[in-house]
C-alpha atoms as a PDB file:
ATOM      1  CA  MET A   1      81.742  88.800  33.868  1.00  0.00           C
ATOM      2  CA  PRO A   2      82.947  87.352  37.188  1.00  0.00           C
ATOM      3  CA  ARG A   3      80.648  87.730  40.169  1.00  0.00           C
ATOM      4  CA  THR A   4      83.375  87.164  42.735  1.00  0.00           C
ATOM      5  CA  ASN A   5      86.781  88.718  43.316  1.00  0.00           C
ATOM      6  CA  LYS A   6      89.272  85.836  43.022  1.00  0.00           C
ATOM      7  CA  THR A   7      92.136  87.700  44.691  1.00  0.00           C
ATOM      8  CA  SER A   8      92.465  86.490  48.277  1.00  0.00           C
ATOM      9  CA  GLU A   9      91.104  88.713  51.002  1.00  0.00           C
ATOM     10  CA  ALA A  10      94.512  88.789  52.710  1.00  0.00           C
ATOM     11  CA  LYS A  11      96.197  90.092  49.556  1.00  0.00           C
ATOM     12  CA  VAL A  12      93.571  92.796  49.086  1.00  0.00           C
ATOM     13  CA  GLN A  13      93.897  93.791  52.733  1.00  0.00           C
ATOM     14  CA  ALA A  14      97.668  94.078  52.303  1.00  0.00           C
ATOM     15  CA  ILE A  15      97.200  96.327  49.269  1.00  0.00           C
ATOM     16  CA  PHE A  16      95.015  98.771  51.170  1.00  0.00           C
ATOM     17  CA  ASP A  17      97.369  98.750  54.145  1.00  0.00           C
ATOM     18  CA  ARG A  18     100.201  99.703  51.786  1.00  0.00           C
ATOM     19  CA  ILE A  19      98.384 102.507  49.993  1.00  0.00           C
ATOM     20  CA  SER A  20      96.702 103.974  53.080  1.00  0.00           C
ATOM     21  CA  THR A  21      98.973 107.015  53.475  1.00  0.00           C
ATOM     22  CA  THR A  22      98.654 108.081  49.839  1.00  0.00           C
ATOM     23  CA  TYR A  23      95.117 106.840  49.172  1.00  0.00           C
ATOM     24  CA  ASP A  24      93.304 110.155  49.571  1.00  0.00           C
ATOM     25  CA  ALA A  25      95.659 112.143  47.362  1.00  0.00           C
ATOM     26  CA  THR A  26      95.825 109.449  44.688  1.00  0.00           C
ATOM     27  CA  ASN A  27      92.069 108.894  44.652  1.00  0.00           C
ATOM     28  CA  SER A  28      91.427 112.621  44.265  1.00  0.00           C
ATOM     29  CA  ALA A  29      93.901 112.832  41.395  1.00  0.00           C
ATOM     30  CA  ILE A  30      92.517 109.789  39.602  1.00  0.00           C
ATOM     31  CA  SER A  31      88.888 110.952  39.868  1.00  0.00           C
ATOM     32  CA  LEU A  32      89.784 114.610  39.291  1.00  0.00           C
ATOM     33  CA  GLY A  33      88.120 115.281  42.642  1.00  0.00           C
ATOM     34  CA  MET A  34      84.734 114.247  41.279  1.00  0.00           C
ATOM     35  CA  HIS A  35      84.255 111.489  43.877  1.00  0.00           C
ATOM     36  CA  LYS A  36      83.514 114.226  46.407  1.00  0.00           C
ATOM     37  CA  ARG A  37      80.747 115.624  44.219  1.00  0.00           C
ATOM     38  CA  TRP A  38      79.294 112.149  43.697  1.00  0.00           C
ATOM     39  CA  ARG A  39      79.282 111.507  47.430  1.00  0.00           C
ATOM     40  CA  LYS A  40      77.559 114.844  48.051  1.00  0.00           C
ATOM     41  CA  LYS A  41      74.787 113.914  45.593  1.00  0.00           C
ATOM     42  CA  THR A  42      74.456 110.567  47.324  1.00  0.00           C
ATOM     43  CA  MET A  43      74.176 112.142  50.760  1.00  0.00           C
ATOM     44  CA  ALA A  44      71.282 114.296  49.542  1.00  0.00           C
ATOM     45  CA  GLN A  45      69.288 111.130  48.786  1.00  0.00           C
ATOM     46  CA  LEU A  46      69.831 109.267  52.038  1.00  0.00           C
ATOM     47  CA  PRO A  47      66.916 109.126  54.518  1.00  0.00           C
ATOM     48  CA  LEU A  48      69.178 109.991  57.425  1.00  0.00           C
ATOM     49  CA  GLU A  49      68.404 112.551  60.109  1.00  0.00           C
ATOM     50  CA  SER A  50      69.759 113.848  63.379  1.00  0.00           C
ATOM     51  CA  SER A  51      69.982 111.087  66.014  1.00  0.00           C
ATOM     52  CA  GLY A  52      69.896 108.466  63.256  1.00  0.00           C
ATOM     53  CA  THR A  53      72.112 105.418  62.817  1.00  0.00           C
ATOM     54  CA  ALA A  54      74.319 104.500  59.872  1.00  0.00           C
ATOM     55  CA  LEU A  55      76.875 101.891  58.889  1.00  0.00           C
ATOM     56  CA  ASP A  56      79.594 102.667  56.342  1.00  0.00           C
ATOM     57  CA  LEU A  57      81.241  99.530  54.948  1.00  0.00           C
ATOM     58  CA  CYS A  58      84.742  99.475  53.475  1.00  0.00           C
ATOM     59  CA  CYS A  59      85.027 102.924  54.982  1.00  0.00           C
ATOM     60  CA  GLY A  60      88.726 103.335  54.177  1.00  0.00           C
ATOM     61  CA  THR A  61      90.071 106.645  55.451  1.00  0.00           C
ATOM     62  CA  GLY A  62      86.632 107.657  56.664  1.00  0.00           C
ATOM     63  CA  ASP A  63      85.401 110.470  54.416  1.00  0.00           C
ATOM     64  CA  TRP A  64      81.891 109.070  53.921  1.00  0.00           C
ATOM     65  CA  THR A  65      81.752 107.946  57.558  1.00  0.00           C
ATOM     66  CA  ILE A  66      82.447 111.522  58.623  1.00  0.00           C
ATOM     67  CA  ASP A  67      79.756 112.898  56.290  1.00  0.00           C
ATOM     68  CA  LEU A  68      77.240 110.519  57.853  1.00  0.00           C
ATOM     69  CA  ALA A  69      78.364 111.406  61.395  1.00  0.00           C
ATOM     70  CA  GLN A  70      77.898 115.095  60.711  1.00  0.00           C
ATOM     71  CA  VAL A  71      74.281 114.440  59.733  1.00  0.00           C
ATOM     72  CA  VAL A  72      73.322 112.310  62.741  1.00  0.00           C
ATOM     73  CA  GLY A  73      75.040 114.639  65.215  1.00  0.00           C
ATOM     74  CA  PRO A  74      76.233 113.833  68.734  1.00  0.00           C
ATOM     75  CA  THR A  75      73.000 112.004  69.606  1.00  0.00           C
ATOM     76  CA  GLY A  76      73.269 109.666  66.614  1.00  0.00           C
ATOM     77  CA  LYS A  77      75.601 106.779  65.881  1.00  0.00           C
ATOM     78  CA  VAL A  78      77.718 105.901  62.851  1.00  0.00           C
ATOM     79  CA  VAL A  79      79.930 102.847  62.470  1.00  0.00           C
ATOM     80  CA  GLY A  80      82.751 102.799  59.948  1.00  0.00           C
ATOM     81  CA  LEU A  81      83.916  99.276  59.132  1.00  0.00           C
ATOM     82  CA  ASP A  82      86.987  98.218  57.177  1.00  0.00           C
ATOM     83  CA  PHE A  83      89.437  95.328  57.098  1.00  0.00           C
ATOM     84  CA  SER A  84      92.507  97.578  56.822  1.00  0.00           C
ATOM     85  CA  LYS A  85      93.968  98.606  60.163  1.00  0.00           C
ATOM     86  CA  ASN A  86      96.085 101.309  58.538  1.00  0.00           C
ATOM     87  CA  MET A  87      93.103 102.855  56.793  1.00  0.00           C
ATOM     88  CA  LEU A  88      91.140 102.885  60.054  1.00  0.00           C
ATOM     89  CA  GLU A  89      93.954 104.631  61.903  1.00  0.00           C
ATOM     90  CA  ILE A  90      93.785 107.476  59.388  1.00  0.00           C
ATOM     91  CA  ALA A  91      89.989 107.518  59.614  1.00  0.00           C
ATOM     92  CA  LYS A  92      90.203 107.852  63.403  1.00  0.00           C
ATOM     93  CA  LYS A  93      92.454 110.914  63.153  1.00  0.00           C
ATOM     94  CA  LYS A  94      90.168 112.504  60.566  1.00  0.00           C
ATOM     95  CA  ALA A  95      87.077 111.879  62.707  1.00  0.00           C
ATOM     96  CA  GLU A  96      88.773 113.578  65.658  1.00  0.00           C
ATOM     97  CA  GLN A  97      89.757 116.544  63.482  1.00  0.00           C
ATOM     98  CA  ALA A  98      86.179 116.806  62.194  1.00  0.00           C
ATOM     99  CA  ASP A  99      84.859 116.711  65.784  1.00  0.00           C
ATOM    100  CA  VAL A 100      82.637 113.685  65.150  1.00  0.00           C
ATOM    101  CA  ALA A 101      84.546 111.111  67.217  1.00  0.00           C
ATOM    102  CA  GLN A 102      81.781 111.099  69.852  1.00  0.00           C
ATOM    103  CA  GLN A 103      79.193 109.627  67.482  1.00  0.00           C
ATOM    104  CA  THR A 104      81.616 107.535  65.420  1.00  0.00           C
ATOM    105  CA  SER A 105      82.872 103.998  65.977  1.00  0.00           C
ATOM    106  CA  LEU A 106      85.574 102.588  63.716  1.00  0.00           C
ATOM    107  CA  ILE A 107      85.991  98.825  63.695  1.00  0.00           C
ATOM    108  CA  GLN A 108      88.144  96.295  61.847  1.00  0.00           C
ATOM    109  CA  GLU A 109      85.775  93.580  60.671  1.00  0.00           C
ATOM    110  CA  ASP A 110      84.724  91.542  57.637  1.00  0.00           C
ATOM    111  CA  ALA A 111      82.053  93.111  55.415  1.00  0.00           C
ATOM    112  CA  MET A 112      80.827  89.624  54.482  1.00  0.00           C
ATOM    113  CA  ALA A 113      80.021  88.708  58.092  1.00  0.00           C
ATOM    114  CA  LEU A 114      78.789  91.833  59.849  1.00  0.00           C
ATOM    115  CA  PRO A 115      78.864  91.706  63.669  1.00  0.00           C
ATOM    116  CA  PHE A 116      75.418  93.287  64.059  1.00  0.00           C
ATOM    117  CA  VAL A 117      71.930  91.962  64.685  1.00  0.00           C
ATOM    118  CA  ASN A 118      69.216  92.278  62.064  1.00  0.00           C
ATOM    119  CA  ASN A 119      67.555  95.671  61.518  1.00  0.00           C
ATOM    120  CA  SER A 120      70.257  97.744  63.241  1.00  0.00           C
ATOM    121  CA  PHE A 121      70.749 100.818  61.010  1.00  0.00           C
ATOM    122  CA  ASP A 122      68.686 103.450  59.230  1.00  0.00           C
ATOM    123  CA  VAL A 123      71.187 103.603  56.379  1.00  0.00           C
ATOM    124  CA  VAL A 124      73.977 101.293  55.212  1.00  0.00           C
ATOM    125  CA  THR A 125      76.516 102.557  52.691  1.00  0.00           C
ATOM    126  CA  ILE A 126      79.531 101.297  50.787  1.00  0.00           C
ATOM    127  CA  GLY A 127      81.754 103.554  48.702  1.00  0.00           C
ATOM    128  CA  PHE A 128      84.221 102.228  46.133  1.00  0.00           C
ATOM    129  CA  GLY A 129      84.648  99.009  48.054  1.00  0.00           C
ATOM    130  CA  LEU A 130      82.127  96.518  46.696  1.00  0.00           C
ATOM    131  CA  ARG A 131      84.297  95.629  43.692  1.00  0.00           C
ATOM    132  CA  ASN A 132      87.152  94.626  46.006  1.00  0.00           C
ATOM    133  CA  VAL A 133      85.334  92.161  48.265  1.00  0.00           C
ATOM    134  CA  PRO A 134      85.494  88.407  47.571  1.00  0.00           C
ATOM    135  CA  ASP A 135      81.717  88.130  47.092  1.00  0.00           C
ATOM    136  CA  ALA A 136      79.652  91.230  46.290  1.00  0.00           C
ATOM    137  CA  SER A 137      76.358  89.374  46.581  1.00  0.00           C
ATOM    138  CA  ARG A 138      77.165  88.218  50.110  1.00  0.00           C
ATOM    139  CA  VAL A 139      78.084  91.760  51.181  1.00  0.00           C
ATOM    140  CA  LEU A 140      74.838  93.147  49.768  1.00  0.00           C
ATOM    141  CA  SER A 141      72.915  90.403  51.565  1.00  0.00           C
ATOM    142  CA  GLU A 142      74.556  91.433  54.824  1.00  0.00           C
ATOM    143  CA  MET A 143      73.736  95.086  54.139  1.00  0.00           C
ATOM    144  CA  GLN A 144      70.098  94.138  53.498  1.00  0.00           C
ATOM    145  CA  ARG A 145      70.052  92.122  56.723  1.00  0.00           C
ATOM    146  CA  VAL A 146      71.317  94.845  59.052  1.00  0.00           C
ATOM    147  CA  VAL A 147      69.410  97.806  57.595  1.00  0.00           C
ATOM    148  CA  LYS A 148      66.099  98.567  59.285  1.00  0.00           C
ATOM    149  CA  PRO A 149      62.778  97.987  57.522  1.00  0.00           C
ATOM    150  CA  GLY A 150      62.134 101.132  55.504  1.00  0.00           C
ATOM    151  CA  GLY A 151      65.842 101.946  55.562  1.00  0.00           C
ATOM    152  CA  MET A 152      68.169 102.396  52.587  1.00  0.00           C
ATOM    153  CA  VAL A 153      71.234 100.639  51.229  1.00  0.00           C
ATOM    154  CA  ALA A 154      73.473 102.814  49.039  1.00  0.00           C
ATOM    155  CA  CYS A 155      76.484 101.874  46.935  1.00  0.00           C
ATOM    156  CA  LEU A 156      78.728 104.382  45.177  1.00  0.00           C
ATOM    157  CA  GLU A 157      81.096 102.506  42.902  1.00  0.00           C
ATOM    158  CA  THR A 158      83.009 102.521  39.651  1.00  0.00           C
ATOM    159  CA  SER A 159      81.029 101.210  36.703  1.00  0.00           C
ATOM    160  CA  GLN A 160      81.357 100.569  32.992  1.00  0.00           C
ATOM    161  CA  PRO A 161      80.197 102.969  30.261  1.00  0.00           C
ATOM    162  CA  GLN A 162      77.598 101.386  27.992  1.00  0.00           C
ATOM    163  CA  ASN A 163      78.048 103.907  25.195  1.00  0.00           C
ATOM    164  CA  LYS A 164      80.501 102.444  22.668  1.00  0.00           C
ATOM    165  CA  LEU A 165      81.643 105.939  21.717  1.00  0.00           C
ATOM    166  CA  ILE A 166      82.888 106.484  25.273  1.00  0.00           C
ATOM    167  CA  TYR A 167      84.818 103.217  25.533  1.00  0.00           C
ATOM    168  CA  PRO A 168      88.014 104.368  23.748  1.00  0.00           C
ATOM    169  CA  PHE A 169      88.329 107.288  26.180  1.00  0.00           C
ATOM    170  CA  TRP A 170      87.597 104.984  29.124  1.00  0.00           C
ATOM    171  CA  ASN A 171      90.362 102.616  28.025  1.00  0.00           C
ATOM    172  CA  LEU A 172      92.743 105.546  27.574  1.00  0.00           C
ATOM    173  CA  TYR A 173      92.001 106.569  31.149  1.00  0.00           C
ATOM    174  CA  PHE A 174      93.220 103.173  32.368  1.00  0.00           C
ATOM    175  CA  LYS A 175      96.546 103.773  30.653  1.00  0.00           C
ATOM    176  CA  ILE A 176      96.919 107.094  32.458  1.00  0.00           C
ATOM    177  CA  VAL A 177      96.043 105.832  35.950  1.00  0.00           C
ATOM    178  CA  PRO A 178      99.377 104.013  36.557  1.00  0.00           C
ATOM    179  CA  LEU A 179     101.224 107.235  35.747  1.00  0.00           C
ATOM    180  CA  ILE A 180      99.151 109.127  38.319  1.00  0.00           C
ATOM    181  CA  ALA A 181      99.720 106.352  40.857  1.00  0.00           C
ATOM    182  CA  LYS A 182     103.440 106.497  40.229  1.00  0.00           C
ATOM    183  CA  MET A 183     103.488 110.227  40.993  1.00  0.00           C
ATOM    184  CA  LYS A 184     101.331 110.020  44.118  1.00  0.00           C
ATOM    185  CA  HIS A 185     102.111 106.582  45.491  1.00  0.00           C
ATOM    186  CA  ASN A 186     105.576 106.028  44.000  1.00  0.00           C
ATOM    187  CA  ASP A 187     104.432 102.608  42.847  1.00  0.00           C
ATOM    188  CA  THR A 188     102.014 101.210  40.283  1.00  0.00           C
ATOM    189  CA  LYS A 189     101.401  97.531  41.030  1.00  0.00           C
ATOM    190  CA  ASP A 190      98.711  98.137  43.658  1.00  0.00           C
ATOM    191  CA  TYR A 191      96.782 100.462  41.392  1.00  0.00           C
ATOM    192  CA  VAL A 192      97.100  98.027  38.501  1.00  0.00           C
ATOM    193  CA  TYR A 193      95.114  95.642  40.697  1.00  0.00           C
ATOM    194  CA  LEU A 194      92.498  98.325  41.410  1.00  0.00           C
ATOM    195  CA  GLN A 195      92.232  99.020  37.684  1.00  0.00           C
ATOM    196  CA  LYS A 196      91.614  95.338  37.091  1.00  0.00           C
ATOM    197  CA  THR A 197      88.748  95.185  39.591  1.00  0.00           C
ATOM    198  CA  THR A 198      87.194  98.255  37.983  1.00  0.00           C
ATOM    199  CA  LYS A 199      87.250  96.763  34.479  1.00  0.00           C
ATOM    200  CA  GLU A 200      85.852  93.428  35.677  1.00  0.00           C
ATOM    201  CA  PHE A 201      83.074  94.780  37.911  1.00  0.00           C
ATOM    202  CA  PHE A 202      79.360  94.869  37.108  1.00  0.00           C
ATOM    203  CA  ASN A 203      77.878  97.520  34.890  1.00  0.00           C
ATOM    204  CA  ALA A 204      75.046  99.584  36.349  1.00  0.00           C
ATOM    205  CA  LYS A 205      72.201  97.386  35.105  1.00  0.00           C
ATOM    206  CA  GLU A 206      73.870  94.206  36.356  1.00  0.00           C
ATOM    207  CA  LEU A 207      74.485  95.688  39.790  1.00  0.00           C
ATOM    208  CA  GLU A 208      70.849  96.777  40.076  1.00  0.00           C
ATOM    209  CA  LYS A 209      69.804  93.178  39.404  1.00  0.00           C
ATOM    210  CA  LEU A 210      72.171  92.048  42.154  1.00  0.00           C
ATOM    211  CA  PHE A 211      70.510  94.520  44.529  1.00  0.00           C
ATOM    212  CA  GLN A 212      67.158  92.999  43.673  1.00  0.00           C
ATOM    213  CA  SER A 213      68.423  89.426  44.033  1.00  0.00           C
ATOM    214  CA  VAL A 214      69.233  89.964  47.733  1.00  0.00           C
ATOM    215  CA  GLY A 215      65.735  91.276  48.469  1.00  0.00           C
ATOM    216  CA  LEU A 216      66.184  95.037  48.148  1.00  0.00           C
ATOM    217  CA  THR A 217      63.233  96.888  46.674  1.00  0.00           C
ATOM    218  CA  ASP A 218      62.593 100.268  45.036  1.00  0.00           C
ATOM    219  CA  THR A 219      66.022  99.909  43.456  1.00  0.00           C
ATOM    220  CA  THR A 220      67.368 102.734  41.361  1.00  0.00           C
ATOM    221  CA  TYR A 221      70.664 103.931  39.962  1.00  0.00           C
ATOM    222  CA  GLN A 222      72.209 106.967  38.367  1.00  0.00           C
ATOM    223  CA  THR A 223      75.494 107.125  36.516  1.00  0.00           C
ATOM    224  CA  PHE A 224      78.254 109.720  36.593  1.00  0.00           C
ATOM    225  CA  LEU A 225      80.981 110.667  34.135  1.00  0.00           C
ATOM    226  CA  PHE A 226      79.353 108.940  31.154  1.00  0.00           C
ATOM    227  CA  GLY A 227      78.871 105.747  33.139  1.00  0.00           C
ATOM    228  CA  ALA A 228      82.334 105.456  34.678  1.00  0.00           C
ATOM    229  CA  ALA A 229      80.760 105.521  38.158  1.00  0.00           C
ATOM    230  CA  ALA A 230      77.290 104.818  39.493  1.00  0.00           C
ATOM    231  CA  LEU A 231      75.156 105.291  42.576  1.00  0.00           C
ATOM    232  CA  HIS A 232      72.791 102.430  43.399  1.00  0.00           C
ATOM    233  CA  THR A 233      70.157 102.547  46.119  1.00  0.00           C
ATOM    234  CA  GLY A 234      67.623 100.059  47.414  1.00  0.00           C
ATOM    235  CA  SER A 235      65.189  99.840  50.294  1.00  0.00           C
ATOM    236  CA  LYS A 236      64.149  97.162  52.740  1.00  0.00           C
ATOM    237  CA  ASN A 237      60.444  96.430  52.936  1.00  0.00           C
ATOM    238  CA  SER A 238      58.728  97.629  56.102  1.00  0.00           C
END
């Protein structure tokens, strides 16, 4: 299994710029809305409180960033970071509508070279973005670097079912996704790429080992939808 995404960063950025206006609707249709439930379960595990600080990488249209901002309140600070300008423009509008713009900063930067000093955030998250970066290990290393000692790194991502009985249904799902993309996005080629990154990404056990390899401790994971998605968390030693 490849440990890097060989598609150039510029090409991936162009894909997300193109799908930005239909991303939310298509993502909800593809996941049957379950990504919202998974994110809610993740939020319940984060050690984040009012006045806290959080960084949301590959924030896309800002849903998880907004969830984090609602927890920290107007005296806290949340940064949403993405390389897609179009995605960030949508995230900005959504943050204003959710009345969390005061505590939210949205920046266009590279997740592999974070513009923050060490030990900056209580929590660092990444949702459905780690499989699309050129080097997942480097991104996790950066997340470990900027989280505070005692803080948590959390990754919600697609995964691969380990039960052989589930695999035929999982493969069938990948045949259906382009049809959903065609209806919502009026195109399929971009979502064919996203399917490819999903099928080539780490399974849950492999990703936990990657968490550990960058120095994160107390690592744990839980899977959703028979292993089709997974939440991984890890802490930074105090």
